[in-house]
N, C-alpha and C. Protein backbone atom coordinates (compact mmCIF):
# COMPACT_ATOMS: atom_id res chain seq x y z
N MET A 1 -15.47 -174.24 79.20
CA MET A 1 -16.00 -173.17 78.96
C MET A 1 -14.55 -172.28 77.41
N GLU A 2 -15.29 -172.07 76.69
CA GLU A 2 -14.17 -171.52 75.21
C GLU A 2 -14.37 -169.90 75.82
N GLY A 3 -13.08 -169.54 75.05
CA GLY A 3 -13.31 -167.96 75.46
C GLY A 3 -13.84 -167.31 73.76
N PRO A 4 -13.94 -165.89 74.40
CA PRO A 4 -14.83 -164.91 73.41
C PRO A 4 -14.02 -165.42 71.74
N ARG A 5 -15.13 -165.76 71.27
CA ARG A 5 -14.66 -165.75 69.33
C ARG A 5 -14.44 -164.61 68.72
N VAL A 6 -13.72 -164.18 68.16
CA VAL A 6 -13.38 -163.14 67.29
C VAL A 6 -13.72 -163.17 66.00
N THR A 7 -15.06 -162.73 65.55
CA THR A 7 -15.51 -162.74 64.72
C THR A 7 -15.47 -161.90 62.85
N ALA A 8 -14.71 -160.64 63.93
CA ALA A 8 -14.90 -159.37 63.00
C ALA A 8 -13.22 -159.75 62.38
N ARG A 9 -13.37 -159.26 60.93
CA ARG A 9 -11.47 -159.55 60.37
C ARG A 9 -11.18 -158.28 59.99
N THR A 10 -9.79 -158.06 60.41
CA THR A 10 -9.20 -157.30 60.45
C THR A 10 -8.62 -157.05 59.05
N ALA A 11 -8.32 -155.77 58.53
CA ALA A 11 -8.26 -155.52 56.91
C ALA A 11 -6.31 -155.56 57.17
N SER A 12 -5.73 -155.75 56.05
CA SER A 12 -4.21 -156.18 55.77
C SER A 12 -4.03 -154.40 56.05
N PRO A 13 -2.85 -154.19 56.52
CA PRO A 13 -2.27 -153.24 56.32
C PRO A 13 -2.16 -152.48 54.98
N VAL A 14 -2.17 -153.40 53.89
CA VAL A 14 -1.85 -152.81 52.36
C VAL A 14 -3.32 -152.28 52.15
N LYS A 15 -4.05 -153.04 52.41
CA LYS A 15 -5.38 -152.70 51.86
C LYS A 15 -5.95 -151.50 52.68
N SER A 16 -5.50 -151.11 54.12
CA SER A 16 -5.74 -149.87 54.62
C SER A 16 -5.15 -148.87 53.86
N ALA A 17 -3.76 -148.81 53.67
CA ALA A 17 -3.10 -147.78 53.08
C ALA A 17 -3.38 -148.02 51.55
N ALA A 18 -3.94 -149.04 50.70
CA ALA A 18 -4.48 -148.26 49.22
C ALA A 18 -5.66 -147.80 49.59
N THR A 19 -6.92 -147.80 50.63
CA THR A 19 -7.84 -147.08 50.88
C THR A 19 -7.95 -145.77 50.95
N VAL A 20 -6.85 -145.75 52.00
CA VAL A 20 -6.27 -144.22 52.41
C VAL A 20 -5.79 -143.57 51.13
N ILE A 21 -5.03 -144.05 50.41
CA ILE A 21 -4.43 -143.20 49.29
C ILE A 21 -5.48 -143.05 48.23
N TYR A 22 -6.28 -143.81 47.84
CA TYR A 22 -7.32 -143.51 46.88
C TYR A 22 -8.33 -142.90 47.22
N ALA A 23 -8.59 -142.75 48.57
CA ALA A 23 -9.59 -141.98 48.65
C ALA A 23 -8.99 -140.09 48.80
N THR A 24 -7.86 -140.56 49.20
CA THR A 24 -6.93 -139.13 49.26
C THR A 24 -7.08 -138.60 47.95
N LEU A 25 -6.79 -139.50 46.91
CA LEU A 25 -6.40 -138.78 45.42
C LEU A 25 -7.96 -138.48 45.32
N LEU A 26 -9.16 -139.32 45.33
CA LEU A 26 -10.70 -138.81 44.73
C LEU A 26 -11.06 -137.40 45.56
N LEU A 27 -10.52 -137.41 46.85
CA LEU A 27 -11.11 -136.10 47.68
C LEU A 27 -10.07 -134.73 46.95
N LEU A 28 -8.84 -135.29 46.23
CA LEU A 28 -8.22 -133.90 45.48
C LEU A 28 -8.84 -133.80 44.09
N VAL A 29 -9.16 -134.84 43.50
CA VAL A 29 -10.21 -134.77 42.25
C VAL A 29 -11.17 -133.94 42.35
N LEU A 30 -12.14 -134.38 43.27
CA LEU A 30 -13.09 -133.47 43.78
C LEU A 30 -13.22 -131.99 44.40
N THR A 31 -12.13 -131.93 44.90
CA THR A 31 -12.04 -130.48 45.30
C THR A 31 -10.93 -129.60 44.62
N ILE A 32 -10.06 -130.35 43.58
CA ILE A 32 -9.06 -129.56 42.80
C ILE A 32 -9.56 -130.33 41.18
N PRO A 33 -10.37 -129.79 40.84
CA PRO A 33 -10.72 -130.86 39.56
C PRO A 33 -9.59 -130.54 38.48
N GLN A 34 -9.04 -129.25 38.38
CA GLN A 34 -8.10 -128.92 37.35
C GLN A 34 -6.81 -129.96 37.69
N SER A 35 -6.66 -130.48 38.79
CA SER A 35 -5.34 -131.38 38.86
C SER A 35 -5.10 -132.64 38.05
N LEU A 36 -6.75 -133.40 37.83
CA LEU A 36 -6.44 -134.73 37.03
C LEU A 36 -6.67 -134.16 35.75
N VAL A 37 -6.77 -132.93 35.12
CA VAL A 37 -6.96 -132.55 34.08
C VAL A 37 -5.31 -132.01 33.34
N ASN A 38 -4.68 -131.39 34.46
CA ASN A 38 -3.25 -131.44 34.28
C ASN A 38 -2.59 -132.40 33.91
N TRP A 39 -3.23 -133.37 34.90
CA TRP A 39 -2.22 -134.31 35.43
C TRP A 39 -1.94 -135.52 33.85
N LEU A 40 -3.29 -135.54 33.19
CA LEU A 40 -3.67 -136.35 32.37
C LEU A 40 -2.98 -135.25 30.87
N GLN A 41 -2.72 -134.23 30.82
CA GLN A 41 -2.50 -133.61 29.65
C GLN A 41 -0.68 -133.53 29.29
N GLY A 42 0.10 -134.50 31.21
CA GLY A 42 1.13 -134.12 30.84
C GLY A 42 1.36 -135.30 30.09
N PHE A 43 0.92 -136.30 29.61
CA PHE A 43 1.06 -137.97 29.03
C PHE A 43 1.13 -137.34 27.32
N ASN A 44 1.71 -138.04 27.02
CA ASN A 44 1.91 -137.94 25.36
C ASN A 44 0.55 -138.61 24.72
N PRO A 45 -0.02 -138.36 23.76
CA PRO A 45 -1.26 -138.49 23.23
C PRO A 45 -1.53 -139.60 23.10
N ASN A 46 -2.40 -140.26 23.44
CA ASN A 46 -2.73 -142.02 22.87
C ASN A 46 -4.30 -141.67 23.19
N PRO A 47 -4.65 -143.00 22.46
CA PRO A 47 -6.34 -143.26 22.65
C PRO A 47 -6.61 -143.08 23.92
N ALA A 48 -6.08 -143.86 24.96
CA ALA A 48 -6.58 -144.07 26.38
C ALA A 48 -6.54 -142.70 27.00
N GLN A 49 -5.41 -141.93 26.60
CA GLN A 49 -5.22 -140.32 27.15
C GLN A 49 -6.51 -139.87 26.76
N GLN A 50 -6.34 -139.78 25.50
CA GLN A 50 -7.87 -138.53 24.95
C GLN A 50 -8.83 -139.06 25.54
N VAL A 51 -9.85 -140.30 25.87
CA VAL A 51 -10.91 -140.84 26.60
C VAL A 51 -10.80 -140.26 27.55
N LEU A 52 -9.35 -140.66 28.76
CA LEU A 52 -9.71 -140.03 29.52
C LEU A 52 -9.77 -138.60 29.88
N LEU A 53 -9.02 -137.79 29.44
CA LEU A 53 -9.14 -136.41 29.49
C LEU A 53 -10.24 -136.22 29.12
N VAL A 54 -11.10 -136.27 28.01
CA VAL A 54 -12.64 -135.89 27.96
C VAL A 54 -13.20 -135.89 29.18
N GLY A 55 -13.11 -137.42 30.03
CA GLY A 55 -14.32 -137.25 30.85
C GLY A 55 -13.57 -136.67 31.81
N ALA A 56 -12.62 -136.43 32.02
CA ALA A 56 -11.73 -135.51 33.53
C ALA A 56 -12.08 -134.16 33.20
N GLN A 57 -12.23 -133.68 31.56
CA GLN A 57 -12.76 -132.33 31.66
C GLN A 57 -14.32 -132.03 31.71
N SER A 58 -14.85 -133.05 31.26
CA SER A 58 -16.46 -133.15 31.73
C SER A 58 -16.76 -132.97 33.27
N LEU A 59 -15.86 -133.91 33.88
CA LEU A 59 -15.75 -133.87 35.44
C LEU A 59 -15.64 -132.49 36.02
N ARG A 60 -14.82 -131.88 35.35
CA ARG A 60 -14.13 -130.77 35.84
C ARG A 60 -15.43 -129.80 35.92
N SER A 61 -16.12 -129.74 34.37
CA SER A 61 -17.01 -128.70 33.95
C SER A 61 -18.07 -129.27 35.17
N ALA A 62 -18.85 -130.46 35.50
CA ALA A 62 -19.45 -130.43 36.71
C ALA A 62 -19.09 -130.08 37.96
N ILE A 63 -18.03 -130.24 38.43
CA ILE A 63 -17.99 -129.94 39.65
C ILE A 63 -17.67 -128.57 40.17
N LYS A 64 -17.44 -127.65 38.64
CA LYS A 64 -17.47 -126.09 38.88
C LYS A 64 -18.85 -125.81 39.09
N MET A 65 -19.63 -126.44 38.00
CA MET A 65 -21.09 -125.94 37.87
C MET A 65 -21.89 -126.02 39.43
N THR A 66 -21.84 -127.01 40.24
CA THR A 66 -21.67 -127.63 41.33
C THR A 66 -21.55 -126.49 42.37
N GLY A 67 -20.34 -126.33 42.12
CA GLY A 67 -19.86 -125.47 43.22
C GLY A 67 -18.85 -126.07 44.35
N MET A 68 -18.43 -127.36 44.03
CA MET A 68 -17.76 -128.41 44.94
C MET A 68 -16.40 -127.52 45.03
N ASP A 69 -15.88 -127.14 43.87
CA ASP A 69 -14.65 -126.32 44.38
C ASP A 69 -14.40 -125.06 44.73
N ALA A 70 -15.37 -124.75 45.67
CA ALA A 70 -15.70 -123.55 46.24
C ALA A 70 -14.30 -123.51 47.11
N VAL A 71 -13.76 -124.16 47.76
CA VAL A 71 -12.95 -124.32 48.96
C VAL A 71 -11.35 -123.58 48.25
N PHE A 72 -11.38 -124.54 47.12
CA PHE A 72 -9.96 -124.20 46.31
C PHE A 72 -9.80 -123.42 45.44
N VAL A 73 -11.00 -122.86 45.37
CA VAL A 73 -11.00 -121.59 44.41
C VAL A 73 -10.72 -120.38 45.91
N ALA A 74 -11.33 -120.48 46.60
CA ALA A 74 -11.34 -119.22 47.55
C ALA A 74 -9.66 -119.10 48.31
N ALA A 75 -9.27 -120.72 48.46
CA ALA A 75 -7.56 -120.39 48.91
C ALA A 75 -6.84 -120.11 47.87
N ARG A 76 -6.81 -120.69 46.66
CA ARG A 76 -6.31 -120.14 45.57
C ARG A 76 -6.28 -118.51 45.34
N SER A 77 -7.41 -118.06 45.25
CA SER A 77 -7.82 -116.57 45.38
C SER A 77 -7.06 -116.00 46.34
N SER A 78 -6.55 -116.18 47.77
CA SER A 78 -6.12 -115.87 48.61
C SER A 78 -4.51 -116.10 48.67
N PHE A 79 -4.10 -117.09 48.26
CA PHE A 79 -3.14 -117.27 48.00
C PHE A 79 -2.26 -116.71 46.66
N LEU A 80 -2.98 -116.45 45.72
CA LEU A 80 -2.35 -115.67 44.90
C LEU A 80 -2.18 -113.84 45.58
N ARG A 81 -3.28 -113.51 46.36
CA ARG A 81 -3.40 -112.15 47.11
C ARG A 81 -2.29 -111.75 47.55
N LEU A 82 -2.18 -112.87 48.42
CA LEU A 82 -1.32 -113.02 49.58
C LEU A 82 0.45 -112.67 48.77
N THR A 83 0.52 -113.34 47.89
CA THR A 83 1.80 -113.33 47.48
C THR A 83 2.17 -112.65 45.65
N ASN A 84 0.87 -111.92 45.95
CA ASN A 84 1.03 -110.53 44.68
C ASN A 84 1.23 -111.53 43.23
N LYS A 85 0.87 -112.82 43.06
CA LYS A 85 0.70 -113.14 41.94
C LYS A 85 -0.06 -113.14 40.52
N ASP A 86 0.05 -113.30 39.70
CA ASP A 86 -1.02 -113.20 38.53
C ASP A 86 -1.82 -114.49 38.55
N VAL A 87 -3.13 -114.57 37.78
CA VAL A 87 -3.63 -115.66 37.78
C VAL A 87 -2.86 -116.19 35.98
N ASP A 88 -2.69 -117.62 36.29
CA ASP A 88 -1.94 -118.27 35.32
C ASP A 88 -2.35 -117.87 34.29
């Protein structure tokens, strides 16, 4: 009699870590859309950066229109109020 066969493949630690990292970055972009725009603006202007920046700005606009950034906006507002900071 043979032992039980293991048919499910386990993911490698590197693949699991990459999935977590990219999912976290995606979550940040969706909840704090300004972060991607700010990050791309930090690069020296070049054709690829310009194309990505336009795409990031469009994504930011779409996210703001749908209200997906509501948690970030509320948290930022609370932080600014608690710390007596002005809006940038």
